[in-house]
Amino acid sequence: MAYFDAASSEPLHPQAREALLAAIDVGWADPARLYGQARRAHLLLEQARTEVAEALGARPDEVSFTSSGTQAVHLGVLGTLHGRRRAGRHLVTSAVEHSSVLHAAGVHERDGGTTETVGVDLTGRVDLDRFAEAVARPGTALACLQTANHEVGTVQPVAEAAAACRSHGVPLLVDAAQTAGRMPIPPGWSVLTASAHKWGGPAGVGVLVVRKGTRFRSFLPEDERERRRVPGFENVPGIVAAAAALRAMAAEAAQEQARLSELVARIRETVPKIVPDVEVIGDPVDRAPHIVTFSCLYVDGEALLTELDKAGFAVSSGSSCTASTLRPSHVLEAMGVLTHGNVRVSLPRGASAAEVDRFLAVLPDLVRRIRQDAGVA
């Protein structure tokens, strides 16, 4: 099986596995206690925090660990809004943010706040002028913008958006889930979220970074852990493994991501030549190096994913025709692109040219058969 769904979850990095197994034996105790085993766990936790902070361009005391990237987003959005209630109740997001941001925005609205959603162009890039106008509105408490889109890979103008936010005294929350460990983090953000299993760490570890000077107050009952931002017992072995994976991925990034980007470019260029009535989606140049998405007209998305699975390829979809949703992806809808028969290919570290060539070899016949079965071939 060729695993082509790294945007959902990157396979566990070998260095993360090694670190996890070691930390299970020595990092199991409560890092908040004072006896020997606890002090050892505390040292492991703080060393991991320092390594993650360095990789993300932050200070260790700005970094907190959560139970997932989704929880990091929820805490980051709602905690910053809660901390800045005196500044206003207005939230600004792009139309293609991850669903965790949209769900947090929904909670904010039900609590009496307002949300302004800024549209994107056909490549999925946010309208920067409209974004700047939105954050300039009186009462804006927070803006949110991802580093790169999780479905189509388009890189967002984070540094420029951050400059606009800064000029109006508005903090910017950046969801870096798809680029942390793969690409440099753009400057200027106030709050950052990420997820360890996206960079080859274990599932169950998220990262929430809150810059010094950013008003933040958790909307959850507080305890003494994680700078009072995230309640609950820290997963020290998982955090240690997450830090090891992030360090390893960042060290490999320049070479490996350039290699994967070439393979993605091959898919982008070849698919329209070998499959009729197909639309390749997202920016062809300014994109995450490992993601490519395309949609096939007259094709049932679930059927295509099933046939690709049978042929030995694990891919995902934002199509309206998948088992996980009854409507098209909000990202594809916001972009105004074709949603039928959507396939997202996202290459993990180590993905080979031979696997990509095999994918390109089997795809045309699978699409043709599905269209034929539907009576449109």
Protein backbone atom coordinates (compact mmCIF):
# COMPACT_ATOMS: atom_id res chain seq x y z
CA MET A 1 0.00 0.00 0.00
CA ALA A 2 1.32 3.44 -0.98
CA TYR A 3 0.33 5.84 1.79
CA PHE A 4 -0.52 9.22 0.23
CA ASP A 5 -2.45 10.89 3.10
CA ALA A 6 0.28 12.66 5.08
CA ALA A 7 -1.84 15.83 5.34
CA SER A 8 -4.18 13.81 7.58
CA SER A 9 -1.40 12.10 9.52
CA GLU A 10 2.30 11.66 8.79
CA PRO A 11 3.62 8.16 9.64
CA LEU A 12 5.52 8.03 12.91
CA HIS A 13 9.10 9.16 12.39
CA PRO A 14 11.71 6.53 13.41
CA GLN A 15 13.30 8.99 15.82
CA ALA A 16 9.90 9.66 17.39
CA ARG A 17 9.36 5.94 17.89
CA GLU A 18 12.74 5.56 19.54
CA ALA A 19 12.14 8.55 21.81
CA LEU A 20 8.63 7.36 22.69
CA LEU A 21 9.76 3.90 23.76
CA ALA A 22 12.53 5.34 25.92
CA ALA A 23 10.28 7.97 27.52
CA ILE A 24 7.58 5.42 28.36
CA ASP A 25 10.07 3.78 30.71
CA VAL A 26 11.46 6.93 32.35
CA GLY A 27 8.86 9.67 31.83
CA TRP A 28 5.70 8.13 33.22
CA ALA A 29 5.60 9.94 36.59
CA ASP A 30 3.77 13.19 37.40
CA PRO A 31 6.09 16.05 36.36
CA ALA A 32 4.47 18.34 38.91
CA ARG A 33 5.71 16.31 41.91
CA LEU A 34 9.05 16.49 43.72
CA TYR A 35 10.35 12.92 44.02
CA GLY A 36 13.02 11.47 41.76
CA GLN A 37 10.88 9.87 39.06
CA ALA A 38 8.76 13.05 38.86
CA ARG A 39 11.83 15.28 38.54
CA ARG A 40 13.05 13.07 35.70
CA ALA A 41 9.69 13.42 33.94
CA HIS A 42 9.78 17.17 34.50
CA LEU A 43 13.22 17.44 32.94
CA LEU A 44 12.07 15.46 29.91
CA LEU A 45 8.99 17.67 29.54
CA GLU A 46 10.94 20.92 29.74
CA GLN A 47 13.65 19.72 27.38
CA ALA A 48 10.95 18.82 24.85
CA ARG A 49 9.34 22.23 25.36
CA THR A 50 12.66 23.95 24.64
CA GLU A 51 13.19 21.91 21.47
CA VAL A 52 9.68 22.61 20.17
CA ALA A 53 10.02 26.31 20.99
CA GLU A 54 13.31 26.51 19.09
CA ALA A 55 11.83 24.78 16.04
CA LEU A 56 8.80 27.10 15.99
CA GLY A 57 10.68 30.32 16.71
CA ALA A 58 9.25 30.87 20.17
CA ARG A 59 10.34 31.03 23.81
CA PRO A 60 9.90 27.91 25.95
CA ASP A 61 7.61 29.71 28.37
CA GLU A 62 5.31 30.61 25.46
CA VAL A 63 4.75 26.93 24.56
CA SER A 64 2.00 24.77 26.03
CA PHE A 65 1.11 21.20 25.08
CA THR A 66 -2.45 20.09 24.41
CA SER A 67 -4.12 16.78 23.65
CA SER A 68 -4.50 17.55 19.91
CA GLY A 69 -4.15 20.21 17.27
CA THR A 70 -7.91 20.69 17.39
CA GLN A 71 -7.82 21.37 21.13
CA ALA A 72 -4.94 23.79 20.56
CA VAL A 73 -7.05 25.71 18.04
CA HIS A 74 -10.11 25.77 20.29
CA LEU A 75 -8.08 26.98 23.27
CA GLY A 76 -6.15 29.46 21.14
CA VAL A 77 -9.18 31.04 19.48
CA LEU A 78 -11.52 31.10 22.45
CA GLY A 79 -8.81 31.83 25.03
CA THR A 80 -7.54 34.85 23.09
CA LEU A 81 -11.07 36.12 22.50
CA HIS A 82 -11.82 35.68 26.19
CA GLY A 83 -8.66 37.52 27.17
CA ARG A 84 -9.49 40.42 24.85
CA ARG A 85 -13.17 40.87 25.62
CA ARG A 86 -12.56 44.49 26.58
CA ALA A 87 -11.09 45.15 23.12
CA GLY A 88 -14.18 43.83 21.37
CA ARG A 89 -16.09 40.73 20.32
CA HIS A 90 -15.30 40.62 16.60
CA LEU A 91 -13.40 37.70 15.04
CA VAL A 92 -11.92 37.62 11.53
CA THR A 93 -11.14 34.35 9.69
CA SER A 94 -10.53 33.24 6.14
CA ALA A 95 -13.16 31.13 4.40
CA VAL A 96 -10.79 28.16 4.10
CA GLU A 97 -9.66 27.72 7.69
CA HIS A 98 -9.69 24.26 9.23
CA SER A 99 -13.04 23.16 10.64
CA SER A 100 -11.65 23.49 14.19
CA VAL A 101 -11.38 27.26 13.66
CA LEU A 102 -14.89 27.42 12.20
CA HIS A 103 -16.31 25.42 15.11
CA ALA A 104 -14.61 27.72 17.63
CA ALA A 105 -16.06 30.68 15.73
CA GLY A 106 -19.49 29.11 16.06
CA VAL A 107 -19.11 28.92 19.84
CA HIS A 108 -17.99 32.55 19.87
CA GLU A 109 -21.08 33.59 17.91
CA ARG A 110 -23.43 31.64 20.18
CA ASP A 111 -21.85 33.54 23.07
CA GLY A 112 -22.79 36.86 21.48
CA GLY A 113 -19.69 37.57 19.42
CA THR A 114 -19.49 38.27 15.71
CA THR A 115 -17.40 36.63 12.97
CA GLU A 116 -16.36 38.03 9.60
CA THR A 117 -15.29 35.48 6.99
CA VAL A 118 -12.94 36.75 4.30
CA GLY A 119 -13.14 35.08 0.90
CA VAL A 120 -10.40 33.54 -1.22
CA ASP A 121 -9.48 33.45 -4.90
CA LEU A 122 -9.58 30.43 -7.21
CA THR A 123 -6.25 29.18 -5.85
CA GLY A 124 -7.51 29.31 -2.25
CA ARG A 125 -5.46 32.35 -1.21
CA VAL A 126 -7.20 34.83 1.06
CA ASP A 127 -8.06 38.29 -0.28
CA LEU A 128 -5.38 40.24 1.59
CA ASP A 129 -6.96 43.67 1.05
CA ARG A 130 -10.30 42.48 2.42
CA PHE A 131 -8.52 40.77 5.30
CA ALA A 132 -6.76 44.03 6.18
CA GLU A 133 -10.06 45.93 5.98
CA ALA A 134 -11.73 43.38 8.25
CA VAL A 135 -9.09 43.56 11.01
CA ALA A 136 -9.26 47.37 10.88
CA ARG A 137 -12.89 47.34 12.00
CA PRO A 138 -13.44 48.69 15.53
CA GLY A 139 -13.87 45.96 18.12
CA THR A 140 -11.82 43.33 16.32
CA ALA A 141 -10.34 41.08 19.00
CA LEU A 142 -8.62 38.36 16.93
CA ALA A 143 -7.84 37.27 13.39
CA CYS A 144 -7.08 33.73 12.22
CA LEU A 145 -5.14 32.58 9.17
CA GLN A 146 -3.56 29.22 8.38
CA THR A 147 -0.02 28.97 7.02
CA ALA A 148 -1.09 26.65 4.20
CA ASN A 149 -4.41 25.11 3.33
CA HIS A 150 -4.94 21.55 4.52
CA GLU A 151 -6.93 20.48 1.44
CA VAL A 152 -5.28 22.20 -1.52
CA GLY A 153 -1.86 23.19 -0.14
CA THR A 154 -2.00 26.89 -1.08
CA VAL A 155 0.30 29.00 1.11
CA GLN A 156 -1.37 32.01 2.73
CA PRO A 157 0.18 35.51 2.99
CA VAL A 158 0.70 35.22 6.74
CA ALA A 159 3.51 37.77 7.10
CA GLU A 160 1.50 40.42 5.22
CA ALA A 161 -1.66 39.62 7.19
CA ALA A 162 0.33 39.80 10.42
CA ALA A 163 1.63 43.26 9.47
CA ALA A 164 -1.94 44.45 8.87
CA CYS A 165 -3.03 43.00 12.20
CA ARG A 166 -0.09 44.59 14.02
CA SER A 167 -0.88 48.04 12.62
CA HIS A 168 -4.33 47.80 14.21
CA GLY A 169 -3.29 46.15 17.46
CA VAL A 170 -5.05 42.88 16.61
CA PRO A 171 -3.39 39.53 17.46
CA LEU A 172 -3.12 36.97 14.66
CA LEU A 173 -3.63 33.26 15.37
CA VAL A 174 -1.80 31.10 12.87
CA ASP A 175 -2.75 27.45 12.33
CA ALA A 176 0.57 25.92 11.25
CA ALA A 177 -0.62 22.31 11.23
CA GLN A 178 0.32 21.63 7.60
CA THR A 179 3.72 23.37 7.58
CA ALA A 180 5.31 22.99 11.03
CA GLY A 181 8.46 20.93 10.55
CA ARG A 182 8.16 21.22 6.76
CA MET A 183 8.47 24.94 6.02
CA PRO A 184 9.71 28.00 7.95
CA ILE A 185 7.05 29.64 10.13
CA PRO A 186 6.22 33.13 8.80
CA PRO A 187 6.90 35.99 11.24
CA GLY A 188 4.46 38.29 13.01
CA TRP A 189 1.98 35.90 14.63
CA SER A 190 0.71 36.26 18.20
CA VAL A 191 -0.75 32.78 18.72
CA LEU A 192 0.28 29.60 16.92
CA THR A 193 -1.20 26.12 16.89
CA ALA A 194 0.13 22.85 15.49
CA SER A 195 -0.36 19.09 15.73
CA ALA A 196 2.41 16.56 16.31
CA HIS A 197 0.99 13.73 14.20
CA LYS A 198 1.14 16.03 11.15
CA TRP A 199 4.96 16.15 11.39
CA GLY A 200 5.60 12.51 12.28
CA GLY A 201 5.02 12.65 16.02
CA PRO A 202 2.45 10.53 17.84
CA ALA A 203 -1.24 11.35 17.88
CA GLY A 204 -2.49 12.95 21.08
CA VAL A 205 -0.07 15.89 21.23
CA GLY A 206 -0.89 19.41 20.08
CA VAL A 207 1.00 22.65 20.53
CA LEU A 208 -0.36 26.04 21.59
CA VAL A 209 2.07 28.96 21.54
CA VAL A 210 1.02 32.33 22.99
CA ARG A 211 3.46 35.19 22.54
CA LYS A 212 4.41 37.27 25.55
CA GLY A 213 2.19 40.33 25.69
CA THR A 214 -0.81 38.64 24.06
CA ARG A 215 -3.82 38.75 26.33
CA PHE A 216 -5.03 35.21 26.88
CA ARG A 217 -7.39 33.68 29.38
CA SER A 218 -8.55 30.10 29.16
CA PHE A 219 -12.30 29.64 29.01
CA LEU A 220 -11.89 26.30 30.83
CA PRO A 221 -11.46 25.80 34.58
CA GLU A 222 -7.79 26.41 35.34
CA ASP A 223 -5.25 24.19 37.05
CA GLU A 224 -1.55 24.67 37.62
CA ARG A 225 -0.37 22.84 34.51
CA GLU A 226 0.88 24.20 31.18
CA ARG A 227 1.00 27.88 32.20
CA ARG A 228 -2.64 27.60 33.29
CA ARG A 229 -3.62 27.43 29.64
CA VAL A 230 -4.31 23.69 29.31
CA PRO A 231 -5.73 21.69 32.20
CA GLY A 232 -4.86 18.07 32.74
CA PHE A 233 -1.97 15.65 33.08
CA GLU A 234 0.72 16.08 30.41
CA ASN A 235 1.47 13.16 28.09
CA VAL A 236 5.21 13.33 28.72
CA PRO A 237 6.26 10.33 26.56
CA GLY A 238 4.15 11.58 23.67
CA ILE A 239 5.49 15.12 24.03
CA VAL A 240 9.09 13.86 24.08
CA ALA A 241 8.42 11.85 20.91
CA ALA A 242 6.72 14.86 19.30
CA ALA A 243 9.77 17.02 19.96
CA ALA A 244 12.09 14.34 18.55
CA ALA A 245 10.00 14.10 15.36
CA LEU A 246 9.84 17.86 14.92
CA ARG A 247 13.59 18.17 15.36
CA ALA A 248 14.20 15.36 12.85
CA MET A 249 11.69 16.63 10.28
CA ALA A 250 13.09 20.17 10.47
CA ALA A 251 16.63 18.84 9.94
CA GLU A 252 15.50 16.91 6.85
CA ALA A 253 13.12 19.56 5.54
CA ALA A 254 15.26 21.38 2.99
CA GLN A 255 16.23 18.22 1.13
CA GLU A 256 13.15 16.04 1.62
CA GLN A 257 10.55 18.72 0.94
CA ALA A 258 12.32 19.76 -2.26
CA ARG A 259 12.20 16.13 -3.37
CA LEU A 260 8.53 15.75 -2.51
CA SER A 261 7.74 19.05 -4.23
CA GLU A 262 9.17 17.68 -7.47
CA LEU A 263 6.97 14.59 -7.18
CA VAL A 264 3.91 16.78 -6.51
CA ALA A 265 4.79 18.90 -9.53
CA ARG A 266 4.90 15.72 -11.63
CA ILE A 267 1.38 14.80 -10.48
CA ARG A 268 0.10 18.34 -11.11
CA GLU A 269 1.49 18.39 -14.64
CA THR A 270 0.63 14.83 -15.63
CA VAL A 271 -2.93 14.29 -14.38
CA PRO A 272 -4.58 16.83 -16.74
CA LYS A 273 -2.75 15.22 -19.66
CA ILE A 274 -3.88 11.66 -18.93
CA VAL A 275 -7.36 12.19 -17.45
CA PRO A 276 -10.00 14.14 -19.43
CA ASP A 277 -12.25 16.69 -17.68
CA VAL A 278 -10.06 17.14 -14.62
CA GLU A 279 -9.25 20.28 -12.65
CA VAL A 280 -6.02 20.56 -10.63
CA ILE A 281 -6.72 22.78 -7.65
CA GLY A 282 -4.59 25.17 -5.61
CA ASP A 283 -1.62 27.40 -6.36
CA PRO A 284 0.86 25.61 -8.65
CA VAL A 285 3.91 27.34 -7.16
CA ASP A 286 3.21 28.97 -3.79
CA ARG A 287 2.08 25.80 -2.02
CA ALA A 288 2.94 23.29 0.65
CA PRO A 289 5.50 20.92 -0.88
CA HIS A 290 3.65 17.68 -0.20
CA ILE A 291 0.00 18.36 -1.20
CA VAL A 292 -1.76 18.19 -4.57
CA THR A 293 -5.51 18.11 -5.14
CA PHE A 294 -7.54 17.51 -8.28
CA SER A 295 -11.20 16.94 -9.13
CA CYS A 296 -12.64 14.69 -11.86
CA LEU A 297 -15.92 15.65 -13.51
CA TYR A 298 -18.63 12.95 -13.70
CA VAL A 299 -16.94 10.87 -11.00
CA ASP A 300 -18.31 9.70 -7.66
CA GLY A 301 -15.65 10.67 -5.13
CA GLU A 302 -16.27 7.75 -2.78
CA ALA A 303 -16.09 5.29 -5.66
CA LEU A 304 -12.77 6.74 -6.81
CA LEU A 305 -11.24 6.57 -3.35
CA THR A 306 -12.46 3.00 -2.98
CA GLU A 307 -10.96 1.96 -6.30
CA LEU A 308 -7.67 3.66 -5.47
CA ASP A 309 -7.64 1.83 -2.15
CA LYS A 310 -8.13 -1.48 -3.98
CA ALA A 311 -5.26 -0.53 -6.30
CA GLY A 312 -3.00 0.07 -3.30
CA PHE A 313 -3.22 3.82 -2.68
CA ALA A 314 -4.38 5.57 0.50
CA VAL A 315 -5.66 9.04 -0.42
CA SER A 316 -8.34 11.38 0.89
CA SER A 317 -10.98 13.67 -0.58
CA GLY A 318 -12.91 16.88 -0.09
CA SER A 319 -15.60 15.71 -2.47
CA SER A 320 -19.31 15.89 -1.79
CA CYS A 321 -19.39 12.16 -2.51
CA THR A 322 -17.53 10.70 0.46
CA ALA A 323 -18.72 8.69 3.40
CA SER A 324 -17.59 11.30 5.92
CA THR A 325 -19.78 14.19 4.73
CA LEU A 326 -23.05 14.88 2.97
CA ARG A 327 -21.89 18.16 1.44
CA PRO A 328 -18.81 19.39 -0.42
CA SER A 329 -15.77 20.60 1.45
CA HIS A 330 -16.19 24.19 2.63
CA VAL A 331 -12.71 24.85 1.23
CA LEU A 332 -13.61 23.79 -2.31
CA GLU A 333 -16.92 25.65 -2.10
CA ALA A 334 -15.20 28.85 -0.98
CA MET A 335 -12.73 28.57 -3.86
CA GLY A 336 -15.53 28.05 -6.39
CA VAL A 337 -13.84 25.02 -7.94
CA LEU A 338 -15.03 21.60 -9.06
CA THR A 339 -15.89 19.32 -6.13
CA HIS A 340 -16.85 16.11 -7.96
CA GLY A 341 -14.42 13.22 -7.74
CA ASN A 342 -11.97 15.16 -5.61
CA VAL A 343 -8.68 13.48 -4.67
CA ARG A 344 -6.07 14.89 -2.30
CA VAL A 345 -2.65 13.31 -2.59
CA SER A 346 -0.30 14.27 0.24
CA LEU A 347 3.11 12.62 0.20
CA PRO A 348 4.85 11.52 3.41
CA ARG A 349 8.60 11.54 3.94
CA GLY A 350 10.16 8.74 1.95
CA ALA A 351 7.45 8.60 -0.72
CA SER A 352 9.10 7.31 -3.86
CA ALA A 353 9.04 8.29 -7.52
CA ALA A 354 8.10 4.69 -8.34
CA GLU A 355 4.96 4.95 -6.18
CA VAL A 356 3.98 8.20 -7.89
CA ASP A 357 4.57 6.68 -11.33
CA ARG A 358 2.40 3.68 -10.41
CA PHE A 359 -0.35 6.03 -9.18
CA LEU A 360 -0.27 7.93 -12.47
CA ALA A 361 -0.34 4.64 -14.38
CA VAL A 362 -3.50 3.28 -12.73
CA LEU A 363 -5.49 6.51 -12.31
CA PRO A 364 -6.77 7.00 -15.91
CA ASP A 365 -8.31 3.55 -16.18
CA LEU A 366 -9.97 3.82 -12.76
CA VAL A 367 -11.57 7.15 -13.68
CA ARG A 368 -12.63 5.82 -17.08
CA ARG A 369 -14.31 2.74 -15.53
CA ILE A 370 -16.20 4.79 -12.95
CA ARG A 371 -17.46 7.17 -15.63
CA GLN A 372 -18.40 4.21 -17.80
CA ASP A 373 -20.37 2.63 -14.96
CA ALA A 374 -22.15 5.95 -14.49
CA GLY A 375 -23.00 6.05 -18.19
CA VAL A 376 -20.99 9.20 -18.96
CA ALA A 377 -17.85 7.75 -20.55
